[in-house]
Structure formats: structure tokens, C-alpha cells
């Protein structure tokens, strides 16, 4: 609950309105921060969205900017080795995401959720859902620049992840 904010409970659903408003505000801020990097170039291993970053740093930075991820936690970078055909741990990035997020069903996706994609059977690309129904996401594709793209439930779509704090805020409190 925000400081100085009273708790308003919806009598019918038992949802805490203050938490729902805070959750929506966090989601909106995550998307707004991601949009500030629009058109920034892809830089392998790059960490600053506005100067250029890879897809992982681009997608994680908005969460860091709103204080949902500790800035000291570093993203595992293995893209270069992987592209050169070297053996890597295909679960390294997934393990990183699971430190702060839970996987959720595709059908429950929401604005501000992370979405990952498979390439060579490895969860290797990530973006942020910016809109649902119709679905759009923002991402930084290798060899390109940050852009919006329509999200289709394609075979390359792997998982949707939601930050643990957002889940906690949205949990029913009866």
C-alpha cells in the first residue's frame, strides 16, 4: 500500500483497490519506460536502452527503473557464444527471469508482462507486452532497432512471465 493511502475493499470481489491501482500504475510505468527506448539500435551486450542494448537488457531495464529489479543483478549474456555454435546452458536466461517473475498462462497475459521466444529450442528473445486484445509487444531484435510488433501465438512464442510484486499486488485479499 502506498504511504498515506487508505485501503478500499470492493465488497463484491474482495479486491484491494489500492493494490490494483498500484499494479496498473506499475504496468503503465514499465511500458512508458520501454517506449522511451523506441528506435534505439541493437547492441549485443549493451545495457542502456537509449544508447543501444540487447533484447534482454532492453526488456529488463524498465523493471529496474521502477525499482522492481535490483540494478546489481546482472543478466547472463551468452548470445555471442550461442550464435557461434558453442555449448551454453539453455536455461540460464529462464533461471534469471524466475528470480523475480513467475510464468503465467498465455491466456492471462497483461500489459507489462515479459514475453519470451524460442530460437533453436532455446528461450533466446524477450520483449514486453504493451497492449492486449489485439496483442502488441515492444522489443529490440538483433540487427535492428527497438520497435512495436504484433504478438501472434506463433510456434516461436515460448512463455509469458509476470513480476512477483505485480502478482502480489493483484492477489485477492479477502
Protein backbone atom coordinates (compact mmCIF):
# COMPACT_ATOMS: atom_id res chain seq x y z
CA UNK A 1 0.00 0.00 0.00
CA UNK A 2 1.20 3.49 -0.80
CA UNK A 3 2.09 5.72 2.14
CA UNK A 4 -0.91 7.67 3.37
CA UNK A 5 -3.31 5.68 1.20
CA UNK A 6 -6.35 4.04 2.74
CA UNK A 7 -7.32 0.52 1.82
CA UNK A 8 -10.54 0.34 -0.18
CA UNK A 9 -12.03 -3.11 -0.45
CA UNK A 10 -14.54 -3.95 -3.15
CA UNK A 11 -17.36 -5.65 -1.19
CA UNK A 12 -18.31 -7.95 -4.07
CA UNK A 13 -14.91 -9.20 -5.22
CA UNK A 14 -12.77 -8.63 -2.14
CA UNK A 15 -10.09 -6.94 -4.26
CA UNK A 16 -7.96 -4.29 -2.67
CA UNK A 17 -8.48 -1.24 -4.92
CA UNK A 18 -5.30 0.49 -3.72
CA UNK A 19 -3.24 -2.54 -4.75
CA UNK A 20 -4.98 -2.82 -8.11
CA UNK A 21 -4.33 0.88 -8.81
CA UNK A 22 -0.68 0.46 -7.80
CA UNK A 23 -0.39 -2.60 -10.07
CA UNK A 24 -1.87 -0.72 -13.03
CA UNK A 25 0.43 2.25 -12.37
CA UNK A 26 3.48 -0.06 -12.30
CA UNK A 27 2.44 -1.73 -15.56
CA UNK A 28 1.90 1.64 -17.24
CA UNK A 29 5.27 2.91 -15.99
CA UNK A 30 7.06 -0.22 -17.26
CA UNK A 31 5.58 0.26 -20.74
CA UNK A 32 6.27 4.01 -20.70
CA UNK A 33 9.92 3.36 -19.78
CA UNK A 34 10.24 0.76 -22.54
CA UNK A 35 8.75 3.17 -25.09
CA UNK A 36 11.43 5.74 -24.23
CA UNK A 37 13.91 3.42 -25.96
CA UNK A 38 11.95 3.30 -29.23
CA UNK A 39 14.25 3.23 -32.28
CA UNK A 40 17.41 2.64 -30.19
CA UNK A 41 19.78 0.27 -32.02
CA UNK A 42 20.52 -3.31 -31.02
CA UNK A 43 23.93 -3.66 -29.36
CA UNK A 44 24.99 -7.16 -28.29
CA UNK A 45 25.63 -6.99 -24.53
CA UNK A 46 24.56 -3.32 -24.48
CA UNK A 47 22.92 -2.27 -21.24
CA UNK A 48 21.44 1.20 -21.78
CA UNK A 49 18.16 1.26 -23.68
CA UNK A 50 18.59 4.78 -25.05
CA UNK A 51 22.20 4.17 -26.26
CA UNK A 52 21.63 0.66 -27.50
CA UNK A 53 21.13 -2.66 -25.81
CA UNK A 54 20.39 -6.28 -26.48
CA UNK A 55 16.85 -7.63 -26.13
CA UNK A 56 17.33 -8.84 -22.55
CA UNK A 57 18.69 -5.58 -21.17
CA UNK A 58 16.09 -3.63 -23.13
CA UNK A 59 13.27 -5.68 -21.58
CA UNK A 60 14.70 -5.71 -18.05
CA UNK A 61 15.68 -2.00 -17.78
CA UNK A 62 12.08 -0.72 -17.41
CA UNK A 63 11.64 -3.03 -14.41
CA UNK A 64 14.87 -1.70 -12.90
CA UNK A 65 13.72 1.88 -13.48
CA UNK A 66 10.56 1.33 -11.39
CA UNK A 67 12.52 -0.46 -8.66
CA UNK A 68 11.21 -3.97 -9.29
CA UNK A 69 14.62 -5.45 -10.09
CA UNK A 70 17.84 -4.76 -8.22
CA UNK A 71 20.26 -2.97 -10.53
CA UNK A 72 23.15 -5.04 -9.18
CA UNK A 73 21.69 -8.28 -10.59
CA UNK A 74 23.36 -8.88 -13.94
CA UNK A 75 21.72 -10.54 -16.92
CA UNK A 76 23.51 -13.63 -18.22
CA UNK A 77 24.95 -12.92 -21.67
CA UNK A 78 25.52 -15.89 -23.85
CA UNK A 79 24.15 -14.75 -27.21
CA UNK A 80 27.56 -14.41 -28.89
CA UNK A 81 28.72 -17.89 -27.80
CA UNK A 82 25.38 -19.35 -28.77
CA UNK A 83 25.49 -17.77 -32.24
CA UNK A 84 29.00 -19.21 -32.72
CA UNK A 85 27.63 -22.68 -32.01
CA UNK A 86 29.31 -23.06 -28.63
CA UNK A 87 27.63 -25.10 -25.92
CA UNK A 88 25.71 -22.97 -23.46
CA UNK A 89 23.20 -23.54 -20.69
CA UNK A 90 19.83 -23.09 -22.46
CA UNK A 91 18.11 -22.44 -19.13
CA UNK A 92 20.39 -19.63 -17.94
CA UNK A 93 18.12 -16.75 -19.02
CA UNK A 94 14.99 -18.55 -17.80
CA UNK A 95 16.65 -19.07 -14.41
CA UNK A 96 17.46 -15.34 -14.32
CA UNK A 97 13.83 -14.37 -15.05
CA UNK A 98 12.48 -16.81 -12.46
CA UNK A 99 14.42 -14.94 -9.76
CA UNK A 100 11.85 -12.14 -9.95
CA UNK A 101 8.92 -13.43 -12.02
CA UNK A 102 6.53 -16.34 -12.36
CA UNK A 103 5.48 -17.94 -15.61
CA UNK A 104 1.79 -17.32 -16.30
CA UNK A 105 -0.54 -18.87 -18.90
CA UNK A 106 -0.58 -17.11 -22.27
CA UNK A 107 -4.33 -16.56 -21.91
CA UNK A 108 -3.79 -14.45 -18.78
CA UNK A 109 -1.16 -12.12 -20.35
CA UNK A 110 -1.35 -8.44 -19.45
CA UNK A 111 0.34 -5.19 -20.31
CA UNK A 112 3.80 -5.07 -18.72
CA UNK A 113 4.39 -8.83 -18.79
CA UNK A 114 7.57 -10.23 -20.31
CA UNK A 115 7.17 -12.49 -23.31
CA UNK A 116 9.92 -14.86 -24.49
CA UNK A 117 10.53 -16.64 -27.77
CA UNK A 118 12.38 -19.76 -28.83
CA UNK A 119 15.16 -19.97 -31.37
CA UNK A 120 16.99 -23.27 -31.82
CA UNK A 121 14.93 -24.61 -28.90
CA UNK A 122 16.40 -22.02 -26.53
CA UNK A 123 14.47 -19.22 -24.83
CA UNK A 124 16.53 -16.59 -26.56
CA UNK A 125 14.48 -13.46 -27.19
CA UNK A 126 12.38 -11.32 -24.87
CA UNK A 127 10.06 -8.33 -25.09
CA UNK A 128 7.37 -6.53 -23.08
CA UNK A 129 3.65 -6.78 -23.81
CA UNK A 130 2.37 -3.24 -24.41
CA UNK A 131 -1.23 -3.98 -25.28
CA UNK A 132 -3.63 -6.92 -25.24
CA UNK A 133 -6.61 -7.59 -27.47
CA UNK A 134 -5.11 -7.10 -30.04
CA UNK A 135 -1.70 -8.08 -28.70
CA UNK A 136 1.35 -5.90 -29.27
CA UNK A 137 4.79 -6.00 -27.72
CA UNK A 138 7.92 -3.88 -27.78
CA UNK A 139 11.33 -5.48 -28.24
CA UNK A 140 14.85 -4.98 -29.54
CA UNK A 141 15.52 -7.51 -32.30
CA UNK A 142 19.13 -8.36 -33.13
CA UNK A 143 20.35 -6.48 -36.17
CA UNK A 144 17.59 -3.90 -35.81
CA UNK A 145 16.18 -1.28 -33.51
CA UNK A 146 13.56 -1.19 -30.76
CA UNK A 147 10.11 -1.48 -32.29
CA UNK A 148 6.50 -2.45 -31.70
CA UNK A 149 5.31 -5.67 -33.24
CA UNK A 150 2.05 -7.59 -33.29
CA UNK A 151 2.22 -10.57 -30.98
CA UNK A 152 0.85 -13.68 -32.56
CA UNK A 153 0.64 -17.01 -30.82
CA UNK A 154 3.28 -18.45 -33.13
CA UNK A 155 5.34 -21.57 -32.63
CA UNK A 156 8.30 -19.43 -31.60
CA UNK A 157 6.37 -17.93 -28.65
CA UNK A 158 7.62 -19.66 -25.51
CA UNK A 159 6.43 -18.12 -22.27
CA UNK A 160 4.81 -15.17 -20.53
CA UNK A 161 6.24 -14.01 -17.20
CA UNK A 162 4.78 -11.64 -14.62
CA UNK A 163 6.81 -9.91 -11.93
CA UNK A 164 6.23 -11.38 -8.46
CA UNK A 165 5.46 -7.95 -6.95
CA UNK A 166 2.70 -7.34 -9.50
CA UNK A 167 1.21 -10.77 -8.76
CA UNK A 168 1.35 -9.98 -5.05
CA UNK A 169 -0.47 -6.67 -5.59
CA UNK A 170 -3.15 -8.31 -7.72
CA UNK A 171 -3.81 -11.22 -5.36
CA UNK A 172 -7.31 -11.27 -3.90
CA UNK A 173 -7.38 -10.14 -0.29
CA UNK A 174 -10.49 -11.26 1.48
